N, C-alpha and C. Protein backbone atom coordinates (compact mmCIF):
# COMPACT_ATOMS: atom_id res chain seq x y z
N MET A 1 -53.89 -127.46 -6.21
CA MET A 1 -54.95 -126.72 -6.88
C MET A 1 -54.77 -126.86 -8.39
N PHE A 2 -55.87 -127.07 -9.06
CA PHE A 2 -55.86 -127.23 -10.50
C PHE A 2 -55.87 -125.86 -11.16
N GLU A 3 -54.92 -125.62 -12.06
CA GLU A 3 -54.82 -124.32 -12.74
C GLU A 3 -55.73 -124.30 -13.97
N LEU A 4 -56.68 -123.38 -13.95
CA LEU A 4 -57.61 -123.20 -15.07
C LEU A 4 -57.03 -122.24 -16.09
N ASP A 5 -57.56 -122.31 -17.31
CA ASP A 5 -57.23 -121.34 -18.35
C ASP A 5 -58.44 -121.23 -19.28
N LYS A 6 -58.31 -120.41 -20.31
CA LYS A 6 -59.44 -120.19 -21.21
C LYS A 6 -59.83 -121.45 -21.97
N ASN A 7 -58.93 -122.41 -22.06
CA ASN A 7 -59.22 -123.64 -22.80
C ASN A 7 -59.95 -124.70 -21.98
N ASN A 8 -59.84 -124.64 -20.65
CA ASN A 8 -60.45 -125.69 -19.86
C ASN A 8 -61.51 -125.19 -18.85
N PHE A 9 -61.69 -123.88 -18.72
CA PHE A 9 -62.61 -123.33 -17.73
C PHE A 9 -64.04 -123.85 -17.94
N GLU A 10 -64.51 -123.80 -19.16
CA GLU A 10 -65.89 -124.24 -19.43
C GLU A 10 -66.08 -125.70 -19.05
N GLU A 11 -65.17 -126.54 -19.49
CA GLU A 11 -65.30 -127.98 -19.23
C GLU A 11 -65.21 -128.30 -17.74
N VAL A 12 -64.24 -127.71 -17.06
CA VAL A 12 -64.01 -128.03 -15.65
C VAL A 12 -65.04 -127.38 -14.73
N VAL A 13 -65.34 -126.09 -14.96
CA VAL A 13 -66.18 -125.34 -14.03
C VAL A 13 -67.64 -125.28 -14.49
N LEU A 14 -67.88 -124.81 -15.68
CA LEU A 14 -69.25 -124.58 -16.13
C LEU A 14 -69.99 -125.87 -16.50
N LYS A 15 -69.25 -126.89 -16.88
CA LYS A 15 -69.85 -128.19 -17.17
C LYS A 15 -69.53 -129.21 -16.08
N GLY A 16 -68.81 -128.76 -15.07
CA GLY A 16 -68.40 -129.66 -13.99
C GLY A 16 -69.55 -129.99 -13.07
N GLU A 17 -69.41 -131.10 -12.40
CA GLU A 17 -70.40 -131.53 -11.43
C GLU A 17 -69.84 -131.35 -10.03
N GLY A 18 -70.72 -131.15 -9.08
CA GLY A 18 -70.30 -131.01 -7.70
C GLY A 18 -69.90 -129.58 -7.38
N THR A 19 -69.12 -129.43 -6.32
CA THR A 19 -68.73 -128.13 -5.80
C THR A 19 -67.31 -127.82 -6.21
N ILE A 20 -67.13 -126.64 -6.81
CA ILE A 20 -65.82 -126.22 -7.30
C ILE A 20 -65.54 -124.82 -6.77
N LEU A 21 -64.39 -124.65 -6.15
CA LEU A 21 -63.93 -123.33 -5.72
C LEU A 21 -62.98 -122.81 -6.79
N VAL A 22 -63.19 -121.56 -7.19
CA VAL A 22 -62.28 -120.92 -8.15
C VAL A 22 -61.66 -119.71 -7.47
N ASP A 23 -60.34 -119.70 -7.43
CA ASP A 23 -59.56 -118.57 -6.93
C ASP A 23 -59.19 -117.73 -8.16
N PHE A 24 -59.89 -116.63 -8.35
CA PHE A 24 -59.58 -115.70 -9.44
C PHE A 24 -58.50 -114.76 -8.94
N TYR A 25 -57.34 -114.77 -9.59
CA TYR A 25 -56.23 -113.94 -9.16
C TYR A 25 -55.57 -113.30 -10.38
N GLY A 26 -54.69 -112.36 -10.12
CA GLY A 26 -54.00 -111.70 -11.22
C GLY A 26 -52.53 -111.49 -10.92
N ASP A 27 -51.74 -111.42 -11.98
CA ASP A 27 -50.32 -111.10 -11.83
C ASP A 27 -50.19 -109.72 -11.20
N GLY A 28 -49.34 -109.59 -10.22
CA GLY A 28 -49.11 -108.29 -9.60
C GLY A 28 -50.16 -107.88 -8.58
N CYS A 29 -51.13 -108.73 -8.31
CA CYS A 29 -52.17 -108.43 -7.31
C CYS A 29 -51.64 -108.86 -5.94
N VAL A 30 -51.26 -107.87 -5.13
CA VAL A 30 -50.68 -108.15 -3.82
C VAL A 30 -51.67 -108.87 -2.90
N PRO A 31 -52.94 -108.42 -2.81
CA PRO A 31 -53.89 -109.17 -1.97
C PRO A 31 -54.09 -110.61 -2.44
N CYS A 32 -54.03 -110.83 -3.75
CA CYS A 32 -54.17 -112.19 -4.29
C CYS A 32 -53.01 -113.07 -3.82
N ALA A 33 -51.80 -112.51 -3.90
CA ALA A 33 -50.61 -113.25 -3.47
C ALA A 33 -50.65 -113.55 -1.98
N ALA A 34 -51.17 -112.62 -1.20
CA ALA A 34 -51.26 -112.83 0.25
C ALA A 34 -52.30 -113.90 0.59
N LEU A 35 -53.37 -113.98 -0.18
CA LEU A 35 -54.43 -114.94 0.08
C LEU A 35 -54.09 -116.35 -0.39
N LYS A 36 -53.28 -116.46 -1.43
CA LYS A 36 -52.99 -117.74 -2.08
C LYS A 36 -52.52 -118.84 -1.12
N PRO A 37 -51.55 -118.59 -0.21
CA PRO A 37 -51.13 -119.68 0.68
C PRO A 37 -52.26 -120.16 1.60
N HIS A 38 -53.15 -119.27 1.96
CA HIS A 38 -54.29 -119.66 2.80
C HIS A 38 -55.25 -120.56 2.02
N VAL A 39 -55.50 -120.20 0.76
CA VAL A 39 -56.38 -121.02 -0.07
C VAL A 39 -55.75 -122.39 -0.32
N GLU A 40 -54.44 -122.41 -0.53
CA GLU A 40 -53.75 -123.68 -0.73
C GLU A 40 -53.84 -124.56 0.52
N ALA A 41 -53.74 -123.95 1.70
CA ALA A 41 -53.88 -124.70 2.95
C ALA A 41 -55.30 -125.25 3.09
N LEU A 42 -56.29 -124.45 2.69
CA LEU A 42 -57.68 -124.90 2.72
C LEU A 42 -57.90 -126.05 1.73
N ALA A 43 -57.19 -126.01 0.61
CA ALA A 43 -57.29 -127.10 -0.37
C ALA A 43 -56.78 -128.40 0.24
N GLU A 44 -55.73 -128.30 1.04
CA GLU A 44 -55.22 -129.50 1.72
C GLU A 44 -56.25 -130.02 2.72
N LYS A 45 -56.92 -129.11 3.40
CA LYS A 45 -57.87 -129.47 4.45
C LYS A 45 -59.20 -129.99 3.90
N TYR A 46 -59.70 -129.35 2.82
CA TYR A 46 -61.04 -129.66 2.31
C TYR A 46 -61.03 -130.25 0.90
N GLY A 47 -59.87 -130.56 0.38
CA GLY A 47 -59.74 -131.02 -1.01
C GLY A 47 -60.48 -132.29 -1.34
N ASP A 48 -60.86 -133.06 -0.33
CA ASP A 48 -61.62 -134.28 -0.59
C ASP A 48 -63.12 -134.00 -0.71
N LYS A 49 -63.52 -132.74 -0.42
CA LYS A 49 -64.94 -132.38 -0.46
C LYS A 49 -65.28 -131.34 -1.53
N ILE A 50 -64.30 -130.53 -1.89
CA ILE A 50 -64.48 -129.48 -2.90
C ILE A 50 -63.29 -129.54 -3.85
N HIS A 51 -63.56 -129.33 -5.12
CA HIS A 51 -62.50 -129.27 -6.12
C HIS A 51 -61.94 -127.85 -6.13
N PHE A 52 -60.67 -127.69 -5.81
CA PHE A 52 -60.03 -126.38 -5.74
C PHE A 52 -59.33 -126.07 -7.05
N THR A 53 -59.64 -124.90 -7.60
CA THR A 53 -59.04 -124.47 -8.86
C THR A 53 -58.63 -123.01 -8.76
N ALA A 54 -57.83 -122.56 -9.72
CA ALA A 54 -57.39 -121.17 -9.76
C ALA A 54 -57.33 -120.70 -11.21
N LEU A 55 -57.67 -119.43 -11.43
CA LEU A 55 -57.62 -118.85 -12.77
C LEU A 55 -56.86 -117.53 -12.72
N ASN A 56 -55.80 -117.45 -13.51
CA ASN A 56 -55.04 -116.21 -13.63
C ASN A 56 -55.79 -115.29 -14.59
N THR A 57 -56.41 -114.25 -14.03
CA THR A 57 -57.24 -113.36 -14.84
C THR A 57 -56.40 -112.46 -15.75
N THR A 58 -55.12 -112.32 -15.45
CA THR A 58 -54.25 -111.55 -16.33
C THR A 58 -54.11 -112.26 -17.68
N LYS A 59 -54.09 -113.57 -17.64
CA LYS A 59 -53.94 -114.37 -18.86
C LYS A 59 -55.29 -114.71 -19.49
N ALA A 60 -56.37 -114.52 -18.75
CA ALA A 60 -57.71 -114.87 -19.25
C ALA A 60 -58.68 -113.74 -18.95
N ARG A 61 -58.34 -112.56 -19.38
CA ARG A 61 -59.11 -111.34 -19.06
C ARG A 61 -60.56 -111.42 -19.55
N ARG A 62 -60.77 -111.80 -20.79
CA ARG A 62 -62.14 -111.86 -21.33
C ARG A 62 -62.99 -112.89 -20.59
N LEU A 63 -62.39 -114.01 -20.27
CA LEU A 63 -63.09 -115.04 -19.52
C LEU A 63 -63.50 -114.50 -18.15
N ALA A 64 -62.59 -113.81 -17.47
CA ALA A 64 -62.89 -113.23 -16.16
C ALA A 64 -64.02 -112.21 -16.26
N ILE A 65 -63.98 -111.36 -17.24
CA ILE A 65 -65.04 -110.37 -17.43
C ILE A 65 -66.37 -111.07 -17.70
N GLY A 66 -66.33 -112.14 -18.49
CA GLY A 66 -67.54 -112.92 -18.76
C GLY A 66 -68.13 -113.53 -17.50
N GLN A 67 -67.30 -113.78 -16.50
CA GLN A 67 -67.76 -114.31 -15.22
C GLN A 67 -68.04 -113.18 -14.22
N ARG A 68 -68.02 -111.94 -14.72
CA ARG A 68 -68.29 -110.74 -13.91
C ARG A 68 -67.28 -110.54 -12.79
N ILE A 69 -66.03 -110.85 -13.10
CA ILE A 69 -64.94 -110.62 -12.16
C ILE A 69 -64.37 -109.25 -12.50
N LEU A 70 -64.67 -108.27 -11.69
CA LEU A 70 -64.29 -106.89 -11.98
C LEU A 70 -63.26 -106.34 -11.01
N GLY A 71 -62.97 -107.05 -9.96
CA GLY A 71 -61.96 -106.65 -8.99
C GLY A 71 -61.36 -107.91 -8.40
N LEU A 72 -60.17 -107.80 -7.84
CA LEU A 72 -59.48 -108.97 -7.30
C LEU A 72 -59.05 -108.72 -5.87
N PRO A 73 -58.88 -109.78 -5.10
CA PRO A 73 -59.14 -111.18 -5.43
C PRO A 73 -60.63 -111.51 -5.35
N VAL A 74 -60.98 -112.60 -6.01
CA VAL A 74 -62.34 -113.16 -5.93
C VAL A 74 -62.20 -114.66 -5.69
N ILE A 75 -62.92 -115.13 -4.70
CA ILE A 75 -63.03 -116.56 -4.45
C ILE A 75 -64.50 -116.91 -4.69
N ALA A 76 -64.75 -117.79 -5.64
CA ALA A 76 -66.12 -118.13 -6.01
C ALA A 76 -66.37 -119.62 -5.84
N ILE A 77 -67.60 -119.93 -5.47
CA ILE A 77 -68.05 -121.32 -5.39
C ILE A 77 -69.05 -121.56 -6.51
N TYR A 78 -68.80 -122.61 -7.28
CA TYR A 78 -69.71 -123.05 -8.34
C TYR A 78 -70.27 -124.41 -7.93
N ARG A 79 -71.56 -124.59 -8.16
CA ARG A 79 -72.21 -125.88 -7.91
C ARG A 79 -72.87 -126.31 -9.21
N ASN A 80 -72.42 -127.43 -9.72
CA ASN A 80 -72.97 -127.99 -10.96
C ASN A 80 -73.05 -126.94 -12.06
N GLY A 81 -71.98 -126.16 -12.21
CA GLY A 81 -71.87 -125.19 -13.29
C GLY A 81 -72.39 -123.80 -13.03
N GLU A 82 -73.03 -123.58 -11.90
CA GLU A 82 -73.60 -122.27 -11.57
C GLU A 82 -72.83 -121.63 -10.42
N LYS A 83 -72.49 -120.35 -10.58
CA LYS A 83 -71.85 -119.63 -9.48
C LYS A 83 -72.91 -119.39 -8.41
N VAL A 84 -72.64 -119.86 -7.19
CA VAL A 84 -73.62 -119.73 -6.12
C VAL A 84 -73.20 -118.75 -5.04
N GLU A 85 -71.91 -118.45 -4.97
CA GLU A 85 -71.44 -117.50 -3.95
C GLU A 85 -70.04 -117.05 -4.31
N GLU A 86 -69.72 -115.81 -3.90
CA GLU A 86 -68.36 -115.33 -4.10
C GLU A 86 -68.00 -114.33 -3.02
N LEU A 87 -66.71 -114.25 -2.77
CA LEU A 87 -66.14 -113.25 -1.88
C LEU A 87 -65.25 -112.37 -2.74
N VAL A 88 -65.40 -111.05 -2.59
CA VAL A 88 -64.71 -110.11 -3.46
C VAL A 88 -63.85 -109.16 -2.64
N LYS A 89 -62.67 -108.89 -3.15
CA LYS A 89 -61.74 -107.91 -2.59
C LYS A 89 -61.56 -108.08 -1.08
N ASP A 90 -61.87 -107.04 -0.31
CA ASP A 90 -61.62 -107.04 1.14
C ASP A 90 -62.43 -108.10 1.88
N ASN A 91 -63.51 -108.59 1.28
CA ASN A 91 -64.31 -109.63 1.92
C ASN A 91 -63.67 -111.01 1.79
N ALA A 92 -62.68 -111.14 0.93
CA ALA A 92 -62.02 -112.42 0.70
C ALA A 92 -60.87 -112.60 1.69
N THR A 93 -61.22 -112.72 2.95
CA THR A 93 -60.22 -112.97 3.99
C THR A 93 -60.07 -114.48 4.16
N PRO A 94 -58.97 -114.93 4.71
CA PRO A 94 -58.82 -116.38 4.94
C PRO A 94 -59.96 -116.96 5.77
N GLU A 95 -60.40 -116.24 6.78
CA GLU A 95 -61.48 -116.72 7.63
C GLU A 95 -62.79 -116.80 6.86
N ALA A 96 -63.08 -115.78 6.07
CA ALA A 96 -64.32 -115.76 5.29
C ALA A 96 -64.33 -116.87 4.24
N VAL A 97 -63.17 -117.12 3.63
CA VAL A 97 -63.08 -118.19 2.64
C VAL A 97 -63.36 -119.53 3.30
N GLU A 98 -62.78 -119.77 4.46
CA GLU A 98 -63.03 -121.04 5.14
C GLU A 98 -64.48 -121.17 5.57
N ASP A 99 -65.07 -120.08 6.06
CA ASP A 99 -66.48 -120.12 6.44
C ASP A 99 -67.36 -120.45 5.23
N MET A 100 -67.04 -119.87 4.08
CA MET A 100 -67.81 -120.14 2.87
C MET A 100 -67.65 -121.61 2.47
N ILE A 101 -66.44 -122.12 2.54
CA ILE A 101 -66.20 -123.53 2.21
C ILE A 101 -67.00 -124.44 3.13
N LYS A 102 -67.00 -124.13 4.41
CA LYS A 102 -67.73 -124.96 5.38
C LYS A 102 -69.22 -125.03 5.04
N LYS A 103 -69.77 -123.93 4.55
CA LYS A 103 -71.20 -123.93 4.18
C LYS A 103 -71.50 -124.97 3.11
N TYR A 104 -70.54 -125.25 2.26
CA TYR A 104 -70.77 -126.17 1.15
C TYR A 104 -70.20 -127.56 1.39
N THR A 105 -69.62 -127.78 2.58
CA THR A 105 -69.08 -129.10 2.88
C THR A 105 -69.75 -129.74 4.07
N GLU A 106 -70.25 -128.97 5.00
CA GLU A 106 -70.89 -129.55 6.18
C GLU A 106 -72.22 -130.17 5.80
N ASP A 107 -72.50 -131.29 6.41
CA ASP A 107 -73.73 -132.03 6.16
C ASP A 107 -73.86 -132.42 4.69
N GLY A 108 -72.73 -132.51 4.00
CA GLY A 108 -72.74 -132.99 2.64
C GLY A 108 -73.29 -132.06 1.60
N GLY A 109 -73.39 -130.77 1.87
CA GLY A 109 -73.86 -129.96 0.79
C GLY A 109 -74.07 -128.50 1.04
N CYS A 110 -74.79 -127.96 0.16
CA CYS A 110 -75.03 -126.54 0.01
C CYS A 110 -75.95 -126.01 1.10
N SER A 111 -75.77 -124.76 1.45
CA SER A 111 -76.60 -124.15 2.48
C SER A 111 -77.77 -123.37 1.92
N CYS A 112 -78.00 -123.45 0.63
CA CYS A 112 -79.03 -122.61 0.02
C CYS A 112 -80.44 -123.20 0.19
N GLY A 113 -80.54 -124.39 0.78
CA GLY A 113 -81.86 -124.97 1.00
C GLY A 113 -82.36 -125.79 -0.19
N CYS A 114 -81.57 -125.87 -1.23
CA CYS A 114 -81.99 -126.63 -2.41
C CYS A 114 -81.59 -128.10 -2.24
N SER A 115 -81.81 -128.86 -3.26
CA SER A 115 -81.40 -130.26 -3.23
C SER A 115 -80.32 -130.50 -4.28
N CYS A 116 -79.39 -129.57 -4.38
CA CYS A 116 -78.38 -129.65 -5.44
C CYS A 116 -77.25 -130.62 -5.14
N GLN A 117 -77.21 -131.18 -3.96
CA GLN A 117 -76.15 -132.13 -3.63
C GLN A 117 -76.49 -133.50 -4.17
């Protein structure tokens, strides 16, 4: 997983092309730490279809607030620079994260009905 920070978030995520998963986590966040190995396993499984990234919100607080990250953990999907879906707190289970990933990888694209792929 590619580690994001305040210096590269805009270039990688907001100006990036394709599908990007961002794992927003924080230092001392127990649910974040519990979810991380599952997200890393999903990166191994789906890494050829989605770009997996992570942002430590403790080190990039203003950036996280600017992305409307108000609670942790948050797993978000960005498509061509736009946040299209996110799982927040208790909804960010390993199963839910994989289901969300599948929506953006099956049949080569997004499930929103658009032609963004």
